């Protein structure tokens, strides 16, 4: 699999649904995804295979650091399974839309092994900042 790449601006319909971009659905038209909030400004959407890896890491983390169990539980308690409908839309629960200030538009962003859903202005603000340390790392990746 090539991974999820690119960003797409989509409207949120009155029922709280957003379309997944066709390249993100290709080969996964009726596959379930896990929608979860792990950061304050974005939602993460994991396909089944990537979610299996996340679950495995969470299990190991819980075993190695039992004091993190309730934090992990707090994150996973809000997760929902979503399946794209025939038009490729997923329902984003109101609580999740509110938590990241999604209103009429959503920026659907490829994040390599998963998809992130952002309020467009927040995404611009978050990605606009400059970081010299990051630039040094990224220069090595794309050398």
Protein backbone atom coordinates (compact mmCIF):
# COMPACT_ATOMS: atom_id res chain seq x y z
CA UNK A 1 0.00 0.00 0.00
CA UNK A 2 1.30 3.45 -0.93
CA UNK A 3 -0.12 5.16 2.13
CA UNK A 4 -2.36 8.17 2.48
CA UNK A 5 -1.01 11.32 0.85
CA UNK A 6 -2.37 14.76 0.00
CA UNK A 7 -5.06 17.00 1.44
CA UNK A 8 -8.63 17.57 0.35
CA UNK A 9 -11.15 20.19 1.42
CA UNK A 10 -14.65 18.75 1.81
CA UNK A 11 -17.93 20.14 3.08
CA UNK A 12 -19.61 18.61 6.09
CA UNK A 13 -23.26 17.90 5.32
CA UNK A 14 -26.11 18.77 7.72
CA UNK A 15 -26.02 15.25 9.18
CA UNK A 16 -22.33 15.57 10.10
CA UNK A 17 -20.95 13.44 7.27
CA UNK A 18 -17.80 14.15 5.30
CA UNK A 19 -16.66 12.48 2.09
CA UNK A 20 -13.41 10.59 2.10
CA UNK A 21 -11.34 11.43 -0.97
CA UNK A 22 -11.50 8.75 -3.67
CA UNK A 23 -7.75 7.98 -3.42
CA UNK A 24 -8.20 7.27 0.30
CA UNK A 25 -11.10 4.89 -0.34
CA UNK A 26 -9.61 3.01 -3.26
CA UNK A 27 -9.61 -0.69 -2.41
CA UNK A 28 -11.31 0.01 0.94
CA UNK A 29 -14.78 1.03 -0.23
CA UNK A 30 -16.67 -0.97 2.40
CA UNK A 31 -13.88 -1.48 4.95
CA UNK A 32 -14.31 -0.19 8.49
CA UNK A 33 -12.14 2.59 9.88
CA UNK A 34 -11.56 3.62 13.49
CA UNK A 35 -12.16 7.33 14.16
CA UNK A 36 -10.42 8.57 17.28
CA UNK A 37 -9.18 11.81 18.80
CA UNK A 38 -5.61 11.54 20.03
CA UNK A 39 -4.65 15.21 19.75
CA UNK A 40 -6.54 18.39 20.57
CA UNK A 41 -6.85 19.82 17.04
CA UNK A 42 -7.52 16.82 14.80
CA UNK A 43 -9.28 13.50 14.48
CA UNK A 44 -7.45 10.42 13.27
CA UNK A 45 -9.01 7.83 10.99
CA UNK A 46 -7.28 4.46 10.91
CA UNK A 47 -7.94 1.70 8.39
CA UNK A 48 -8.26 -1.74 9.93
CA UNK A 49 -4.69 -2.86 9.24
CA UNK A 50 -3.12 0.28 10.72
CA UNK A 51 -5.50 0.15 13.70
CA UNK A 52 -4.31 -3.40 14.45
CA UNK A 53 -0.77 -2.04 14.79
CA UNK A 54 -1.94 0.79 17.06
CA UNK A 55 -3.87 -1.64 19.28
CA UNK A 56 -0.81 -3.86 19.57
CA UNK A 57 1.33 -0.90 20.63
CA UNK A 58 -1.30 0.24 23.14
CA UNK A 59 -1.46 -3.27 24.65
CA UNK A 60 2.31 -3.36 25.04
CA UNK A 61 2.38 0.14 26.50
CA UNK A 62 -0.31 -0.81 28.99
CA UNK A 63 1.71 -3.86 30.06
CA UNK A 64 5.03 -1.99 30.35
CA UNK A 65 3.57 1.10 31.99
CA UNK A 66 0.41 0.16 33.91
CA UNK A 67 0.12 3.72 35.21
CA UNK A 68 -0.82 4.79 31.64
CA UNK A 69 -3.76 2.40 31.45
CA UNK A 70 -6.40 4.97 32.39
CA UNK A 71 -4.97 7.50 29.89
CA UNK A 72 -5.14 4.88 27.15
CA UNK A 73 -8.65 3.98 28.23
CA UNK A 74 -9.66 7.64 28.08
CA UNK A 75 -8.51 7.87 24.48
CA UNK A 76 -10.01 4.61 23.27
CA UNK A 77 -13.33 5.17 25.06
CA UNK A 78 -14.16 7.93 22.59
CA UNK A 79 -13.25 5.92 19.49
CA UNK A 80 -15.90 4.85 17.01
CA UNK A 81 -15.93 2.48 14.09
CA UNK A 82 -17.12 4.07 10.85
CA UNK A 83 -17.78 2.53 7.44
CA UNK A 84 -18.02 4.73 4.37
CA UNK A 85 -21.48 4.72 2.78
CA UNK A 86 -21.99 4.17 -0.96
CA UNK A 87 -21.06 7.82 -1.62
CA UNK A 88 -17.84 7.43 0.40
CA UNK A 89 -19.05 9.52 3.37
CA UNK A 90 -18.40 8.83 7.03
CA UNK A 91 -20.38 10.21 9.95
CA UNK A 92 -18.35 12.26 12.41
CA UNK A 93 -20.17 12.25 15.76
CA UNK A 94 -21.22 15.69 16.98
CA UNK A 95 -19.03 15.46 20.08
CA UNK A 96 -15.96 14.91 17.91
CA UNK A 97 -16.90 17.70 15.48
CA UNK A 98 -17.35 20.09 18.39
CA UNK A 99 -14.09 19.10 20.07
CA UNK A 100 -12.01 20.21 17.07
CA UNK A 101 -14.32 23.07 16.00
CA UNK A 102 -15.48 21.49 12.73
CA UNK A 103 -18.33 23.45 11.27
CA UNK A 104 -19.02 23.50 7.54
CA UNK A 105 -15.69 22.37 6.07
CA UNK A 106 -13.13 19.72 6.91
CA UNK A 107 -9.61 19.28 5.62
CA UNK A 108 -8.99 15.57 5.07
CA UNK A 109 -5.24 14.96 5.18
CA UNK A 110 -3.15 11.93 4.36
CA UNK A 111 -0.80 11.09 7.24
CA UNK A 112 1.00 8.13 5.66
CA UNK A 113 -0.57 5.20 7.58
CA UNK A 114 -3.80 6.98 8.57
CA UNK A 115 -5.98 9.96 7.71
CA UNK A 116 -6.40 13.11 9.78
CA UNK A 117 -9.43 15.40 9.77
CA UNK A 118 -8.79 19.06 10.61
CA UNK A 119 -10.62 22.34 10.77
CA UNK A 120 -8.87 24.06 7.83
CA UNK A 121 -7.69 27.22 9.63
CA UNK A 122 -6.29 25.21 12.55
CA UNK A 123 -4.36 23.02 10.12
CA UNK A 124 -2.83 26.09 8.47
CA UNK A 125 -1.82 27.49 11.86
CA UNK A 126 -0.36 24.20 13.07
CA UNK A 127 1.68 23.54 9.94
CA UNK A 128 2.85 27.08 9.31
CA UNK A 129 5.24 27.29 12.25
CA UNK A 130 8.93 26.92 11.49
CA UNK A 131 11.19 24.60 13.43
CA UNK A 132 14.92 24.44 12.71
CA UNK A 133 15.34 21.04 14.38
CA UNK A 134 12.56 19.58 12.24
CA UNK A 135 14.09 21.10 9.11
CA UNK A 136 17.39 19.30 9.84
CA UNK A 137 15.56 15.95 10.14
CA UNK A 138 13.44 16.47 7.07
CA UNK A 139 16.48 17.48 5.02
CA UNK A 140 17.97 14.07 5.82
CA UNK A 141 14.80 12.24 4.77
CA UNK A 142 14.57 14.02 1.41
CA UNK A 143 18.32 14.25 0.70
